[in-house]
Amino acid sequence: MEGILQILFGPEDRIMDYLMKEFFSAQGSIDIVVFLLGSKTIANTLVKAHQRGVAVRMIIDGKVARTRNSKHGFLVEKGIDVRTIRVTGGSMHSKFILIDSKKVIAGSTNLTNDANYRNHELMFVSEDPSIIERFSTKFEALLNGGNKQTPRSGERGR
């Protein structure tokens, strides 16, 4: 498992709890690509990181962003850069997080309460620079192709 620092399985490893600790400890940046942000607790934690000066950027699926379960509008209202991706005939289903450009966390987990307590999920953690570079490149490509949300465009996800 060269390059893999840790593997987490849910629900037993409480992946969301692990992510919360990472968000609290971030010093410079949190970049997130996820299908759905449905956890108000995670949303609040990201806002707190943003308020202490951490650059928080998020990319989510454009169709899911229009549902009541999405909390992305709350982030947009608080000044966080949120982009949506629309995929014709499919979904933006990637799930990965970059912390301070020094760590990548990737796997099956959406940022929802079900992912923490009920679903069988997995995430792996790496601090390998070559792995981080691949994910960073993908993040920037998605960010540049995404639709930047404004408080008005993000109204549904509160």
N, C-alpha and C. Protein backbone atom coordinates (compact mmCIF):
# COMPACT_ATOMS: atom_id res chain seq x y z
N MET A 1 0.83 -1.20 0.00
CA MET A 1 0.00 0.00 0.00
C MET A 1 0.87 1.26 0.00
N GLU A 2 1.84 1.28 -0.87
CA GLU A 2 2.71 2.43 -0.95
C GLU A 2 1.90 3.69 -1.24
N GLY A 3 2.16 4.74 -0.47
CA GLY A 3 1.47 6.00 -0.65
C GLY A 3 0.20 6.14 0.15
N ILE A 4 -0.33 5.03 0.69
CA ILE A 4 -1.56 5.08 1.48
C ILE A 4 -1.18 5.14 2.96
N LEU A 5 -1.64 6.16 3.63
CA LEU A 5 -1.33 6.35 5.04
C LEU A 5 -2.32 5.61 5.93
N GLN A 6 -3.59 5.62 5.52
CA GLN A 6 -4.65 5.07 6.36
C GLN A 6 -5.84 4.70 5.49
N ILE A 7 -6.58 3.67 5.90
CA ILE A 7 -7.84 3.30 5.26
C ILE A 7 -8.92 3.29 6.33
N LEU A 8 -10.04 3.94 6.01
CA LEU A 8 -11.16 4.03 6.94
C LEU A 8 -12.37 3.34 6.33
N PHE A 9 -13.09 2.58 7.14
CA PHE A 9 -14.34 1.95 6.73
C PHE A 9 -15.47 2.45 7.62
N GLY A 10 -16.60 2.74 7.00
CA GLY A 10 -17.76 3.17 7.77
C GLY A 10 -18.81 2.09 7.76
N PRO A 11 -19.63 2.07 8.77
CA PRO A 11 -19.72 3.10 9.80
C PRO A 11 -18.74 2.93 10.97
N GLU A 12 -18.05 1.81 11.06
CA GLU A 12 -17.26 1.52 12.26
C GLU A 12 -16.14 2.51 12.54
N ASP A 13 -15.54 3.10 11.52
CA ASP A 13 -14.45 4.05 11.74
C ASP A 13 -14.92 5.50 11.85
N ARG A 14 -16.21 5.73 11.80
CA ARG A 14 -16.79 7.07 11.95
C ARG A 14 -16.04 8.08 11.07
N ILE A 15 -16.18 7.90 9.78
CA ILE A 15 -15.44 8.70 8.81
C ILE A 15 -15.71 10.19 8.97
N MET A 16 -16.95 10.58 9.22
CA MET A 16 -17.26 12.00 9.38
C MET A 16 -16.53 12.59 10.58
N ASP A 17 -16.41 11.83 11.65
CA ASP A 17 -15.67 12.31 12.82
C ASP A 17 -14.21 12.55 12.45
N TYR A 18 -13.64 11.64 11.67
CA TYR A 18 -12.27 11.81 11.20
C TYR A 18 -12.16 13.09 10.35
N LEU A 19 -13.10 13.29 9.44
CA LEU A 19 -13.07 14.47 8.58
C LEU A 19 -13.20 15.75 9.39
N MET A 20 -14.06 15.74 10.40
CA MET A 20 -14.24 16.93 11.25
C MET A 20 -12.90 17.32 11.89
N LYS A 21 -12.16 16.33 12.38
CA LYS A 21 -10.85 16.61 12.98
C LYS A 21 -9.90 17.22 11.94
N GLU A 22 -9.95 16.69 10.73
CA GLU A 22 -9.11 17.25 9.66
C GLU A 22 -9.50 18.68 9.34
N PHE A 23 -10.80 18.96 9.28
CA PHE A 23 -11.26 20.32 8.99
C PHE A 23 -10.85 21.28 10.10
N PHE A 24 -10.95 20.84 11.36
CA PHE A 24 -10.54 21.67 12.49
C PHE A 24 -9.05 21.97 12.47
N SER A 25 -8.25 21.01 12.00
CA SER A 25 -6.79 21.18 12.04
C SER A 25 -6.23 21.84 10.78
N ALA A 26 -7.03 22.02 9.75
CA ALA A 26 -6.54 22.65 8.52
C ALA A 26 -6.03 24.06 8.81
N GLN A 27 -4.91 24.39 8.20
CA GLN A 27 -4.29 25.70 8.42
C GLN A 27 -4.45 26.65 7.24
N GLY A 28 -4.44 26.10 6.01
CA GLY A 28 -4.45 26.97 4.85
C GLY A 28 -5.58 26.75 3.87
N SER A 29 -5.92 25.48 3.61
CA SER A 29 -6.94 25.23 2.58
C SER A 29 -7.64 23.89 2.79
N ILE A 30 -8.90 23.89 2.39
CA ILE A 30 -9.72 22.68 2.32
C ILE A 30 -10.41 22.72 0.96
N ASP A 31 -10.06 21.78 0.10
CA ASP A 31 -10.68 21.66 -1.22
C ASP A 31 -11.49 20.37 -1.24
N ILE A 32 -12.77 20.48 -1.57
CA ILE A 32 -13.68 19.33 -1.48
C ILE A 32 -14.38 19.11 -2.81
N VAL A 33 -14.39 17.87 -3.26
CA VAL A 33 -15.21 17.43 -4.39
C VAL A 33 -16.12 16.35 -3.83
N VAL A 34 -17.43 16.56 -3.94
CA VAL A 34 -18.37 15.60 -3.35
C VAL A 34 -19.68 15.66 -4.12
N PHE A 35 -20.36 14.55 -4.17
CA PHE A 35 -21.67 14.49 -4.81
C PHE A 35 -22.69 15.31 -4.01
N LEU A 36 -22.69 15.15 -2.68
CA LEU A 36 -23.70 15.80 -1.83
C LEU A 36 -23.10 16.24 -0.50
N LEU A 37 -23.39 17.46 -0.11
CA LEU A 37 -23.15 17.94 1.25
C LEU A 37 -24.52 18.01 1.91
N GLY A 38 -24.81 17.05 2.78
CA GLY A 38 -26.11 17.00 3.45
C GLY A 38 -26.04 17.16 4.94
N SER A 39 -24.85 17.30 5.50
CA SER A 39 -24.67 17.40 6.95
C SER A 39 -24.52 18.86 7.37
N LYS A 40 -25.44 19.34 8.18
CA LYS A 40 -25.36 20.70 8.71
C LYS A 40 -24.13 20.83 9.62
N THR A 41 -23.79 19.77 10.34
CA THR A 41 -22.62 19.79 11.22
C THR A 41 -21.35 20.01 10.42
N ILE A 42 -21.20 19.28 9.33
CA ILE A 42 -20.03 19.47 8.46
C ILE A 42 -20.05 20.87 7.86
N ALA A 43 -21.21 21.33 7.42
CA ALA A 43 -21.32 22.68 6.85
C ALA A 43 -20.87 23.73 7.87
N ASN A 44 -21.33 23.60 9.11
CA ASN A 44 -20.93 24.55 10.15
C ASN A 44 -19.42 24.50 10.41
N THR A 45 -18.85 23.30 10.39
CA THR A 45 -17.41 23.15 10.60
C THR A 45 -16.63 23.82 9.48
N LEU A 46 -17.10 23.68 8.25
CA LEU A 46 -16.43 24.33 7.12
C LEU A 46 -16.53 25.85 7.21
N VAL A 47 -17.68 26.36 7.66
CA VAL A 47 -17.84 27.80 7.84
C VAL A 47 -16.87 28.30 8.91
N LYS A 48 -16.73 27.57 10.00
CA LYS A 48 -15.79 27.97 11.06
C LYS A 48 -14.36 27.99 10.54
N ALA A 49 -14.00 27.01 9.72
CA ALA A 49 -12.66 27.00 9.11
C ALA A 49 -12.48 28.25 8.24
N HIS A 50 -13.48 28.54 7.43
CA HIS A 50 -13.45 29.73 6.56
C HIS A 50 -13.29 31.00 7.40
N GLN A 51 -14.02 31.08 8.50
CA GLN A 51 -13.97 32.27 9.36
C GLN A 51 -12.62 32.45 10.04
N ARG A 52 -11.88 31.37 10.23
CA ARG A 52 -10.55 31.51 10.83
C ARG A 52 -9.45 31.66 9.77
N GLY A 53 -9.86 31.86 8.51
CA GLY A 53 -8.92 32.19 7.46
C GLY A 53 -8.50 31.05 6.55
N VAL A 54 -9.09 29.88 6.71
CA VAL A 54 -8.79 28.75 5.83
C VAL A 54 -9.57 28.94 4.53
N ALA A 55 -8.91 28.80 3.40
CA ALA A 55 -9.58 28.89 2.10
C ALA A 55 -10.35 27.59 1.87
N VAL A 56 -11.67 27.69 1.83
CA VAL A 56 -12.53 26.52 1.62
C VAL A 56 -13.17 26.64 0.25
N ARG A 57 -12.98 25.60 -0.57
CA ARG A 57 -13.59 25.56 -1.90
C ARG A 57 -14.27 24.20 -2.04
N MET A 58 -15.45 24.21 -2.66
CA MET A 58 -16.22 22.98 -2.80
C MET A 58 -16.80 22.87 -4.19
N ILE A 59 -16.79 21.66 -4.71
CA ILE A 59 -17.42 21.34 -5.99
C ILE A 59 -18.42 20.23 -5.74
N ILE A 60 -19.68 20.45 -6.17
CA ILE A 60 -20.73 19.45 -5.97
C ILE A 60 -21.50 19.23 -7.26
N ASP A 61 -22.26 18.15 -7.28
CA ASP A 61 -23.08 17.82 -8.44
C ASP A 61 -24.18 18.87 -8.61
N GLY A 62 -24.37 19.34 -9.84
CA GLY A 62 -25.35 20.38 -10.11
C GLY A 62 -26.79 19.98 -9.89
N LYS A 63 -27.12 18.72 -10.18
CA LYS A 63 -28.51 18.27 -9.97
C LYS A 63 -28.82 18.14 -8.49
N VAL A 64 -27.91 17.56 -7.75
CA VAL A 64 -28.13 17.36 -6.31
C VAL A 64 -28.15 18.70 -5.58
N ALA A 65 -27.41 19.67 -6.08
CA ALA A 65 -27.37 20.99 -5.45
C ALA A 65 -28.75 21.64 -5.41
N ARG A 66 -29.64 21.21 -6.28
CA ARG A 66 -30.97 21.82 -6.34
C ARG A 66 -31.96 21.17 -5.37
N THR A 67 -31.52 20.18 -4.61
CA THR A 67 -32.42 19.50 -3.67
C THR A 67 -32.39 20.17 -2.31
N ARG A 68 -33.42 19.90 -1.53
CA ARG A 68 -33.50 20.46 -0.18
C ARG A 68 -32.43 19.90 0.75
N ASN A 69 -31.93 18.70 0.45
CA ASN A 69 -30.94 18.08 1.33
C ASN A 69 -29.57 18.74 1.25
N SER A 70 -29.30 19.45 0.17
CA SER A 70 -27.98 20.06 -0.01
C SER A 70 -27.83 21.28 0.90
N LYS A 71 -26.69 21.36 1.56
CA LYS A 71 -26.40 22.50 2.45
C LYS A 71 -25.44 23.49 1.79
N HIS A 72 -25.23 23.36 0.48
CA HIS A 72 -24.25 24.22 -0.17
C HIS A 72 -24.65 25.69 -0.14
N GLY A 73 -25.95 25.99 -0.19
CA GLY A 73 -26.40 27.38 -0.16
C GLY A 73 -25.99 28.09 1.11
N PHE A 74 -25.99 27.36 2.22
CA PHE A 74 -25.54 27.90 3.50
C PHE A 74 -24.07 28.32 3.40
N LEU A 75 -23.25 27.48 2.76
CA LEU A 75 -21.83 27.82 2.59
C LEU A 75 -21.67 29.05 1.71
N VAL A 76 -22.43 29.11 0.63
CA VAL A 76 -22.36 30.25 -0.29
C VAL A 76 -22.70 31.54 0.46
N GLU A 77 -23.75 31.50 1.28
CA GLU A 77 -24.15 32.68 2.05
C GLU A 77 -23.05 33.15 2.99
N LYS A 78 -22.22 32.24 3.43
CA LYS A 78 -21.13 32.56 4.36
C LYS A 78 -19.83 32.92 3.63
N GLY A 79 -19.89 33.01 2.30
CA GLY A 79 -18.74 33.46 1.52
C GLY A 79 -17.80 32.38 1.02
N ILE A 80 -18.21 31.13 1.11
CA ILE A 80 -17.38 30.02 0.65
C ILE A 80 -17.58 29.82 -0.85
N ASP A 81 -16.50 29.56 -1.55
CA ASP A 81 -16.52 29.33 -3.00
C ASP A 81 -17.07 27.94 -3.27
N VAL A 82 -18.29 27.87 -3.80
CA VAL A 82 -18.94 26.61 -4.15
C VAL A 82 -19.23 26.62 -5.64
N ARG A 83 -18.85 25.55 -6.32
CA ARG A 83 -19.11 25.40 -7.75
C ARG A 83 -19.95 24.15 -7.97
N THR A 84 -20.81 24.21 -8.96
CA THR A 84 -21.58 23.02 -9.34
C THR A 84 -21.11 22.54 -10.70
N ILE A 85 -21.19 21.23 -10.87
CA ILE A 85 -20.83 20.59 -12.13
C ILE A 85 -22.07 19.86 -12.64
N ARG A 86 -22.44 20.11 -13.88
CA ARG A 86 -23.55 19.39 -14.52
C ARG A 86 -22.95 18.41 -15.52
N VAL A 87 -23.31 17.16 -15.38
CA VAL A 87 -22.81 16.12 -16.27
C VAL A 87 -24.00 15.60 -17.08
N THR A 88 -23.96 15.76 -18.38
CA THR A 88 -25.04 15.29 -19.23
C THR A 88 -25.14 13.77 -19.16
N GLY A 89 -26.30 13.29 -18.75
CA GLY A 89 -26.54 11.86 -18.69
C GLY A 89 -25.85 11.14 -17.54
N GLY A 90 -25.28 11.88 -16.60
CA GLY A 90 -24.58 11.25 -15.49
C GLY A 90 -24.52 12.16 -14.29
N SER A 91 -23.57 11.89 -13.41
CA SER A 91 -23.42 12.66 -12.18
C SER A 91 -21.96 13.01 -11.96
N MET A 92 -21.72 14.08 -11.23
CA MET A 92 -20.39 14.41 -10.74
C MET A 92 -20.29 13.62 -9.43
N HIS A 93 -19.78 12.41 -9.52
CA HIS A 93 -19.87 11.46 -8.41
C HIS A 93 -18.54 11.26 -7.68
N SER A 94 -17.51 12.00 -8.04
CA SER A 94 -16.22 11.89 -7.35
C SER A 94 -16.35 12.38 -5.92
N LYS A 95 -15.51 11.83 -5.05
CA LYS A 95 -15.51 12.24 -3.65
C LYS A 95 -14.07 12.26 -3.16
N PHE A 96 -13.53 13.47 -3.00
CA PHE A 96 -12.20 13.59 -2.42
C PHE A 96 -12.02 14.95 -1.78
N ILE A 97 -11.08 15.00 -0.84
CA ILE A 97 -10.82 16.20 -0.06
C ILE A 97 -9.31 16.39 0.02
N LEU A 98 -8.87 17.60 -0.24
CA LEU A 98 -7.46 17.97 -0.09
C LEU A 98 -7.34 18.90 1.12
N ILE A 99 -6.45 18.57 2.04
CA ILE A 99 -6.23 19.38 3.23
C ILE A 99 -4.84 20.01 3.14
N ASP A 100 -4.80 21.33 3.08
CA ASP A 100 -3.55 22.10 3.07
C ASP A 100 -2.58 21.66 1.97
N SER A 101 -3.10 21.07 0.90
CA SER A 101 -2.28 20.55 -0.21
C SER A 101 -1.22 19.56 0.27
N LYS A 102 -1.45 18.96 1.45
CA LYS A 102 -0.50 18.01 2.03
C LYS A 102 -1.11 16.64 2.27
N LYS A 103 -2.43 16.56 2.16
CA LYS A 103 -3.12 15.31 2.46
C LYS A 103 -4.33 15.20 1.55
N VAL A 104 -4.58 14.01 1.03
CA VAL A 104 -5.79 13.75 0.26
C VAL A 104 -6.56 12.62 0.95
N ILE A 105 -7.87 12.81 1.01
CA ILE A 105 -8.78 11.82 1.57
C ILE A 105 -9.79 11.53 0.47
N ALA A 106 -9.89 10.28 0.04
CA ALA A 106 -10.76 9.95 -1.10
C ALA A 106 -11.45 8.62 -0.87
N GLY A 107 -12.63 8.48 -1.47
CA GLY A 107 -13.36 7.22 -1.36
C GLY A 107 -14.81 7.39 -1.75
N SER A 108 -15.68 6.67 -1.05
CA SER A 108 -17.09 6.61 -1.43
C SER A 108 -17.99 7.54 -0.63
N THR A 109 -17.45 8.23 0.34
CA THR A 109 -18.26 8.93 1.33
C THR A 109 -18.74 10.30 0.89
N ASN A 110 -20.07 10.50 0.91
CA ASN A 110 -20.64 11.83 0.80
C ASN A 110 -20.63 12.46 2.19
N LEU A 111 -20.79 13.77 2.25
CA LEU A 111 -20.77 14.46 3.53
C LEU A 111 -22.19 14.53 4.09
N THR A 112 -22.66 13.37 4.55
CA THR A 112 -24.02 13.24 5.09
C THR A 112 -23.97 12.51 6.43
N ASN A 113 -25.03 12.65 7.20
CA ASN A 113 -25.12 11.93 8.47
C ASN A 113 -25.19 10.43 8.23
N ASP A 114 -25.91 10.00 7.19
CA ASP A 114 -25.98 8.56 6.89
C ASP A 114 -24.60 7.98 6.64
N ALA A 115 -23.73 8.75 5.99
CA ALA A 115 -22.38 8.25 5.71
C ALA A 115 -21.61 7.98 7.00
N ASN A 116 -21.90 8.74 8.04
CA ASN A 116 -21.18 8.55 9.30
C ASN A 116 -21.76 7.43 10.15
N TYR A 117 -23.06 7.30 10.15
CA TYR A 117 -23.70 6.41 11.12
C TYR A 117 -24.30 5.13 10.54
N ARG A 118 -24.63 5.13 9.23
CA ARG A 118 -25.37 3.98 8.70
C ARG A 118 -24.71 3.29 7.51
N ASN A 119 -24.23 4.07 6.58
CA ASN A 119 -23.75 3.49 5.32
C ASN A 119 -22.43 2.75 5.47
N HIS A 120 -22.25 1.75 4.65
CA HIS A 120 -20.95 1.10 4.52
C HIS A 120 -20.16 1.93 3.52
N GLU A 121 -19.16 2.61 4.01
CA GLU A 121 -18.36 3.54 3.21
C GLU A 121 -16.88 3.20 3.34
N LEU A 122 -16.08 3.82 2.51
CA LEU A 122 -14.63 3.70 2.67
C LEU A 122 -13.96 4.98 2.22
N MET A 123 -12.86 5.27 2.85
CA MET A 123 -12.01 6.39 2.48
C MET A 123 -10.56 5.95 2.68
N PHE A 124 -9.69 6.46 1.84
CA PHE A 124 -8.26 6.25 2.09
C PHE A 124 -7.62 7.62 2.25
N VAL A 125 -6.53 7.64 2.98
CA VAL A 125 -5.81 8.87 3.27
C VAL A 125 -4.38 8.71 2.75
N SER A 126 -3.89 9.73 2.07
CA SER A 126 -2.51 9.69 1.57
C SER A 126 -1.85 11.05 1.76
N GLU A 127 -0.57 11.00 2.05
CA GLU A 127 0.25 12.21 2.08
C GLU A 127 1.36 12.13 1.02
N ASP A 128 1.19 11.21 0.08
CA ASP A 128 2.17 11.02 -0.99
C ASP A 128 2.05 12.19 -1.98
N PRO A 129 3.13 12.95 -2.17
CA PRO A 129 3.06 14.13 -3.05
C PRO A 129 2.58 13.83 -4.47
N SER A 130 2.96 12.69 -5.03
CA SER A 130 2.53 12.39 -6.41
C SER A 130 1.03 12.11 -6.47
N ILE A 131 0.49 11.48 -5.45
CA ILE A 131 -0.96 11.24 -5.39
C ILE A 131 -1.70 12.55 -5.17
N ILE A 132 -1.20 13.37 -4.27
CA ILE A 132 -1.82 14.67 -4.00
C ILE A 132 -1.82 15.53 -5.26
N GLU A 133 -0.74 15.50 -6.01
CA GLU A 133 -0.65 16.28 -7.25
C GLU A 133 -1.73 15.88 -8.25
N ARG A 134 -1.97 14.59 -8.39
CA ARG A 134 -3.01 14.12 -9.33
C ARG A 134 -4.38 14.64 -8.91
N PHE A 135 -4.68 14.54 -7.61
CA PHE A 135 -5.97 15.02 -7.13
C PHE A 135 -6.06 16.54 -7.23
N SER A 136 -4.99 17.25 -6.96
CA SER A 136 -4.99 18.72 -7.08
C SER A 136 -5.24 19.16 -8.51
N THR A 137 -4.62 18.48 -9.46
CA THR A 137 -4.83 18.79 -10.87
C THR A 137 -6.29 18.57 -11.26
N LYS A 138 -6.86 17.47 -10.81
CA LYS A 138 -8.27 17.19 -11.11
C LYS A 138 -9.17 18.23 -10.45
N PHE A 139 -8.87 18.60 -9.21
CA PHE A 139 -9.68 19.61 -8.53
C PHE A 139 -9.69 20.92 -9.31
N GLU A 140 -8.53 21.39 -9.72
CA GLU A 140 -8.46 22.66 -10.45
C GLU A 140 -9.20 22.58 -11.78
N ALA A 141 -9.12 21.45 -12.46
CA ALA A 141 -9.85 21.28 -13.72
C ALA A 141 -11.36 21.35 -13.48
N LEU A 142 -11.83 20.67 -12.44
CA LEU A 142 -13.26 20.72 -12.12
C LEU A 142 -13.68 22.12 -11.69
N LEU A 143 -12.85 22.77 -10.89
CA LEU A 143 -13.16 24.12 -10.41
C LEU A 143 -13.30 25.08 -11.59
N ASN A 144 -12.37 25.00 -12.53
CA ASN A 144 -12.41 25.89 -13.69
C ASN A 144 -13.60 25.62 -14.60
N GLY A 145 -14.12 24.40 -14.59
CA GLY A 145 -15.28 24.07 -15.41
C GLY A 145 -16.60 24.20 -14.67
N GLY A 146 -16.53 24.56 -13.40
CA GLY A 146 -17.73 24.61 -12.58
C GLY A 146 -18.47 25.93 -12.67
N ASN A 147 -19.71 25.90 -12.28
CA ASN A 147 -20.57 27.07 -12.24
C ASN A 147 -20.51 27.66 -10.84
N LYS A 148 -19.88 28.85 -10.71
CA LYS A 148 -19.74 29.47 -9.39
C LYS A 148 -21.11 29.86 -8.86
N GLN A 149 -21.39 29.47 -7.63
CA GLN A 149 -22.66 29.75 -6.99
C GLN A 149 -22.62 31.10 -6.30
N THR A 150 -23.73 31.81 -6.36
CA THR A 150 -23.91 33.07 -5.66
C THR A 150 -25.00 32.86 -4.63
N PRO A 151 -25.14 33.76 -3.66
CA PRO A 151 -26.22 33.56 -2.68
C PRO A 151 -27.58 33.32 -3.33
N ARG A 152 -27.85 33.97 -4.43
CA ARG A 152 -29.14 33.75 -5.09
C ARG A 152 -29.20 32.40 -5.79
N SER A 153 -28.10 31.98 -6.44
CA SER A 153 -28.12 30.71 -7.16
C SER A 153 -28.11 29.52 -6.21
N GLY A 154 -27.63 29.72 -4.99
CA GLY A 154 -27.56 28.63 -4.02
C GLY A 154 -28.73 28.59 -3.05
N GLU A 155 -29.83 29.26 -3.37
CA GLU A 155 -30.95 29.38 -2.43
C GLU A 155 -31.51 28.07 -1.93
N ARG A 156 -31.57 27.04 -2.75
CA ARG A 156 -32.22 25.79 -2.33
C ARG A 156 -31.45 25.08 -1.24
N GLY A 157 -30.14 25.14 -1.27
CA GLY A 157 -29.35 24.36 -0.33
C GLY A 157 -29.01 25.10 0.94
N ARG A 158 -29.96 25.19 1.87
CA ARG A 158 -29.71 25.91 3.13
C ARG A 158 -29.75 24.98 4.29
